[in-house]
Every structure is written in structure tokens, then in C-alpha cells.
Amino acid sequence: QAVSGGELAPSHEQLDFTTLPSIHSQMQMSGNGEVLVTTSPDGTGIRTFNWDGQTWNELAPAAYGTTGGWPSQIALSGDGTTLAAHSHNAHEITLFKWDGAGWLQAGNPIGGYGTFFGSFSPILSLDQTGQTLAVGQLRDDEPPQGGGGADGSFSVFQFDGLSWVQKGQKVFGLHPDDRLGTGITINSSGDY
């Protein structure tokens, strides 16, 4: 939306999701408002759309779901060229880069990120260029901090051109129910 005459007004054509064949559970938009990503838990995976100045056009889908089932969390880089998706079933995060014609997987999936208690998926955040990924887990309590179940944690990964490398150690909440990582966001340059 944009401000017009002191009031909010739509800045783009409305995308009619009622015509799409599934219920979309999450949406992410690029910083410039020209790329929109949405997920669907009914098995259709991830759909992406691009604003061309007049209308929303669906882009080629990410090759997602062959081993992992439906995506439970997604993140889109600020420039709209990198997409991160957490697999509910495979317990991993897969990242894709847009090459102008399609979404290509970038590096191997990052493993070890299951859902906690069957429903709490990790929170994902990408920087502006999609080179740095922050992952928060509100129910992560390894090692246990006083026996609580929601200490929480966050980890940061950086893409080196071939693979995603963890930057530093995983950081845990200090107390039970800290829920560190609940609302994690990384800045545009990826340094905090």
C-alpha cells in the first residue's frame, strides 16, 4: 500500500487468492514489493509471483517437496532473489536462488531443524542479498537450561558460494521459557 492524499491506497493490482487452488498459510514480500512468495500446506508447496508494473505474474515454482513434504516456514531476501523454506517432514531448511528463469537450489539443505512438539517450526530470516540466514527456534532447549522446555535458540548461516556455513555457535536462551529466537529478524546487511 502507498499513502495517497493522506490515506492508504493499494499500490499494486490486487492478487486474487480465491482463484488459486489451495489455502495459503504464509506470505513473504521482497523489500521493493515486486516479489511475493506464498506457501500451501496441501502439498502444492511454494508459489512465487512477480509484479511487472501492471499485473502479478506467477514465476516458475521452486523444486520443493520431493523429500520434505509441505513447507512450514519461509523467508525471502530483501531483493527477492533468495528463498529459504523449512520442511515440516524432512527437518531441514532448503535455500533457492532465482537465476532469471527459475529457482535453483543453493547448496545442500541445512539439517537438524525439526518441529518441536509437532508444531513449532524454526523462524527464518534472510538479509537483503540472501547471503546470510538467521534461524530461531523457540522450543530448542539443548542443552537444557534448568530443565525448561522453551529456552529457545538462534543460529546464523552464511553462503560461501557453494554451501551454507554456520557463523559462530548456536546461542541459547539463558532461562527456561526465554523463547529466544521467537521473533528473529536479521538486518539488511546480515551483520546483526
Protein backbone atom coordinates (compact mmCIF):
# COMPACT_ATOMS: atom_id res chain seq x y z
CA GLN A 1 0.00 0.00 0.00
CA ALA A 2 1.04 3.61 -0.51
CA VAL A 3 -0.04 6.91 1.04
CA SER A 4 -2.18 8.95 -1.34
CA GLY A 5 -3.78 12.19 -0.16
CA GLY A 6 -3.17 11.23 3.47
CA GLU A 7 -4.88 7.83 3.09
CA LEU A 8 -3.56 4.35 2.42
CA ALA A 9 -4.31 3.18 -1.09
CA PRO A 10 -3.36 -0.04 -2.92
CA SER A 11 -0.09 0.46 -4.79
CA HIS A 12 -0.49 -2.67 -6.94
CA GLU A 13 -3.24 -4.68 -8.54
CA GLN A 14 -4.95 -6.94 -6.01
CA LEU A 15 -3.87 -10.57 -6.35
CA ASP A 16 -7.00 -12.70 -6.08
CA PHE A 17 -6.07 -15.73 -3.98
CA THR A 18 -9.63 -17.07 -4.15
CA THR A 19 -8.88 -18.27 -7.68
CA LEU A 20 -5.87 -20.30 -6.51
CA PRO A 21 -6.50 -23.98 -5.73
CA SER A 22 -5.24 -24.02 -2.16
CA ILE A 23 -5.27 -22.26 1.18
CA HIS A 24 -2.05 -20.29 1.58
CA SER A 25 -0.60 -20.34 5.06
CA GLN A 26 2.28 -17.84 4.78
CA MET A 27 3.39 -14.96 2.63
CA GLN A 28 6.64 -13.04 2.28
CA MET A 29 7.30 -9.99 0.12
CA SER A 30 10.57 -8.55 -1.16
CA GLY A 31 11.72 -5.15 0.05
CA ASN A 32 10.70 -3.44 -3.18
CA GLY A 33 7.24 -5.05 -3.15
CA GLU A 34 7.75 -6.77 -6.51
CA VAL A 35 8.19 -10.42 -5.50
CA LEU A 36 5.62 -12.31 -3.41
CA VAL A 37 6.09 -15.85 -2.08
CA THR A 38 3.33 -17.96 -0.56
CA THR A 39 3.12 -21.48 0.87
CA SER A 40 0.39 -24.06 0.91
CA PRO A 41 0.15 -27.00 3.33
CA ASP A 42 -1.99 -29.02 0.93
CA GLY A 43 1.00 -30.33 -1.00
CA THR A 44 1.32 -27.69 -3.72
CA GLY A 45 4.43 -26.31 -1.99
CA ILE A 46 5.72 -22.83 -2.75
CA ARG A 47 4.35 -20.35 -5.29
CA THR A 48 6.07 -17.12 -6.32
CA PHE A 49 4.73 -14.07 -8.12
CA ASN A 50 6.40 -11.07 -9.72
CA TRP A 51 4.92 -7.58 -10.20
CA ASP A 52 5.72 -6.29 -13.71
CA GLY A 53 4.30 -2.81 -13.19
CA GLN A 54 0.76 -3.72 -14.21
CA THR A 55 -0.04 -7.24 -13.06
CA TRP A 56 1.14 -10.16 -10.89
CA ASN A 57 2.72 -12.98 -12.89
CA GLU A 58 3.42 -16.41 -11.46
CA LEU A 59 7.07 -17.42 -11.67
CA ALA A 60 8.41 -20.93 -12.07
CA PRO A 61 7.87 -22.88 -8.83
CA ALA A 62 10.75 -23.81 -6.56
CA ALA A 63 11.63 -27.52 -6.91
CA TYR A 64 10.48 -28.21 -3.39
CA GLY A 65 8.81 -31.06 -1.60
CA THR A 66 10.45 -34.06 -3.28
CA THR A 67 11.72 -35.33 0.07
CA GLY A 68 10.42 -32.90 2.59
CA GLY A 69 6.67 -32.54 2.32
CA TRP A 70 4.98 -29.19 2.72
CA PRO A 71 6.97 -26.10 3.78
CA SER A 72 6.18 -24.97 7.31
CA GLN A 73 8.19 -21.71 7.26
CA ILE A 74 9.60 -19.49 4.51
CA ALA A 75 11.80 -16.41 4.20
CA LEU A 76 12.53 -14.19 1.22
CA SER A 77 15.59 -11.97 0.87
CA GLY A 78 15.06 -8.22 0.63
CA ASP A 79 15.96 -8.20 -3.07
CA GLY A 80 13.61 -11.13 -3.78
CA THR A 81 16.31 -13.38 -5.26
CA THR A 82 16.80 -15.91 -2.42
CA LEU A 83 14.15 -18.10 -0.84
CA ALA A 84 14.51 -20.24 2.30
CA ALA A 85 11.99 -22.95 3.18
CA HIS A 86 11.79 -25.26 6.18
CA SER A 87 10.48 -28.77 5.52
CA HIS A 88 7.97 -29.99 8.06
CA ASN A 89 8.77 -33.65 7.37
CA ALA A 90 12.47 -33.72 6.45
CA HIS A 91 13.57 -31.45 9.34
CA GLU A 92 15.78 -29.31 7.11
CA ILE A 93 15.99 -25.87 5.54
CA THR A 94 16.44 -25.65 1.77
CA LEU A 95 17.55 -22.45 0.04
CA PHE A 96 16.97 -21.41 -3.56
CA LYS A 97 18.41 -18.63 -5.75
CA TRP A 98 16.48 -17.07 -8.66
CA ASP A 99 18.54 -17.20 -11.87
CA GLY A 100 16.16 -15.18 -14.06
CA ALA A 101 14.24 -18.21 -15.28
CA GLY A 102 13.76 -20.45 -12.25
CA TRP A 103 14.57 -21.19 -8.62
CA LEU A 104 17.76 -23.24 -8.29
CA GLN A 105 18.79 -24.92 -5.05
CA ALA A 106 21.72 -23.10 -3.42
CA GLY A 107 23.97 -25.50 -1.55
CA ASN A 108 22.86 -28.54 0.42
CA PRO A 109 19.90 -28.30 2.80
CA ILE A 110 20.70 -27.32 6.38
CA GLY A 111 19.73 -30.32 8.52
CA GLY A 112 18.74 -30.76 12.13
CA TYR A 113 15.80 -28.36 12.22
CA GLY A 114 12.76 -30.40 13.13
CA THR A 115 9.50 -29.20 14.52
CA PHE A 116 9.31 -29.13 18.30
CA PHE A 117 6.31 -30.79 19.94
CA GLY A 118 4.98 -31.45 16.44
CA SER A 119 4.07 -27.85 15.68
CA PHE A 120 6.79 -25.29 16.47
CA SER A 121 8.85 -24.78 13.32
CA PRO A 122 12.00 -22.66 13.18
CA ILE A 123 11.67 -18.97 12.33
CA LEU A 124 13.67 -17.91 9.26
CA SER A 125 15.07 -14.51 8.25
CA LEU A 126 17.27 -13.60 5.25
CA ASP A 127 19.33 -10.45 4.72
CA GLN A 128 18.95 -8.11 1.71
CA THR A 129 21.02 -10.15 -0.77
CA GLY A 130 20.23 -13.63 0.56
CA GLN A 131 23.79 -14.41 1.64
CA THR A 132 23.02 -14.65 5.38
CA LEU A 133 20.26 -16.67 7.05
CA ALA A 134 19.17 -16.43 10.71
CA VAL A 135 17.26 -19.35 12.23
CA GLY A 136 15.35 -19.08 15.52
CA GLN A 137 13.85 -22.00 17.46
CA LEU A 138 11.66 -21.01 20.37
CA ARG A 139 11.33 -24.56 21.75
CA ASP A 140 15.01 -25.52 21.47
CA ASP A 141 16.41 -26.45 24.88
CA GLU A 142 19.62 -28.33 24.15
CA PRO A 143 21.49 -28.22 26.39
CA PRO A 144 18.69 -27.82 28.96
CA GLN A 145 18.98 -24.62 30.95
CA GLY A 146 17.48 -25.57 34.29
CA GLY A 147 15.09 -28.15 32.86
CA GLY A 148 12.85 -25.77 30.92
CA GLY A 149 11.30 -26.63 27.58
CA ALA A 150 11.34 -23.28 25.85
CA ASP A 151 14.78 -21.76 26.34
CA GLY A 152 14.98 -21.08 22.62
CA SER A 153 17.98 -20.56 20.36
CA PHE A 154 19.23 -18.86 17.24
CA SER A 155 21.88 -19.73 14.66
CA VAL A 156 23.29 -17.77 11.72
CA PHE A 157 24.48 -19.25 8.42
CA GLN A 158 26.40 -17.61 5.57
CA PHE A 159 26.50 -18.75 1.93
CA ASP A 160 30.08 -19.11 0.65
CA GLY A 161 29.06 -19.70 -2.96
CA LEU A 162 28.85 -23.47 -2.56
CA SER A 163 27.36 -24.22 0.84
CA TRP A 164 25.77 -22.72 3.95
CA VAL A 165 28.33 -22.38 6.73
CA GLN A 166 27.34 -21.74 10.34
CA LYS A 167 28.65 -18.40 11.59
CA GLY A 168 29.75 -18.83 15.21
CA GLN A 169 27.95 -21.11 17.63
CA LYS A 170 24.25 -21.63 18.28
CA VAL A 171 23.13 -19.24 21.03
CA PHE A 172 20.64 -20.49 23.65
CA GLY A 173 18.29 -18.64 25.97
CA LEU A 174 19.61 -18.27 29.50
CA HIS A 175 16.48 -19.33 31.37
CA PRO A 176 13.51 -21.68 30.96
CA ASP A 177 10.80 -20.02 28.87
CA ASP A 178 13.14 -17.35 27.47
CA ARG A 179 11.92 -18.38 24.00
CA LEU A 180 14.97 -16.87 22.36
CA GLY A 181 14.54 -16.82 18.59
CA THR A 182 10.76 -16.37 18.68
CA GLY A 183 10.74 -13.23 16.53
CA ILE A 184 14.15 -13.30 14.89
CA THR A 185 14.97 -10.76 12.17
CA ILE A 186 18.33 -10.14 10.54
CA ASN A 187 19.25 -6.69 9.25
CA SER A 188 19.70 -5.95 5.54
CA SER A 189 23.49 -6.31 5.61
CA GLY A 190 23.35 -9.57 7.59
CA ASP A 191 25.69 -8.49 10.37
CA TYR A 192 23.14 -8.32 13.24
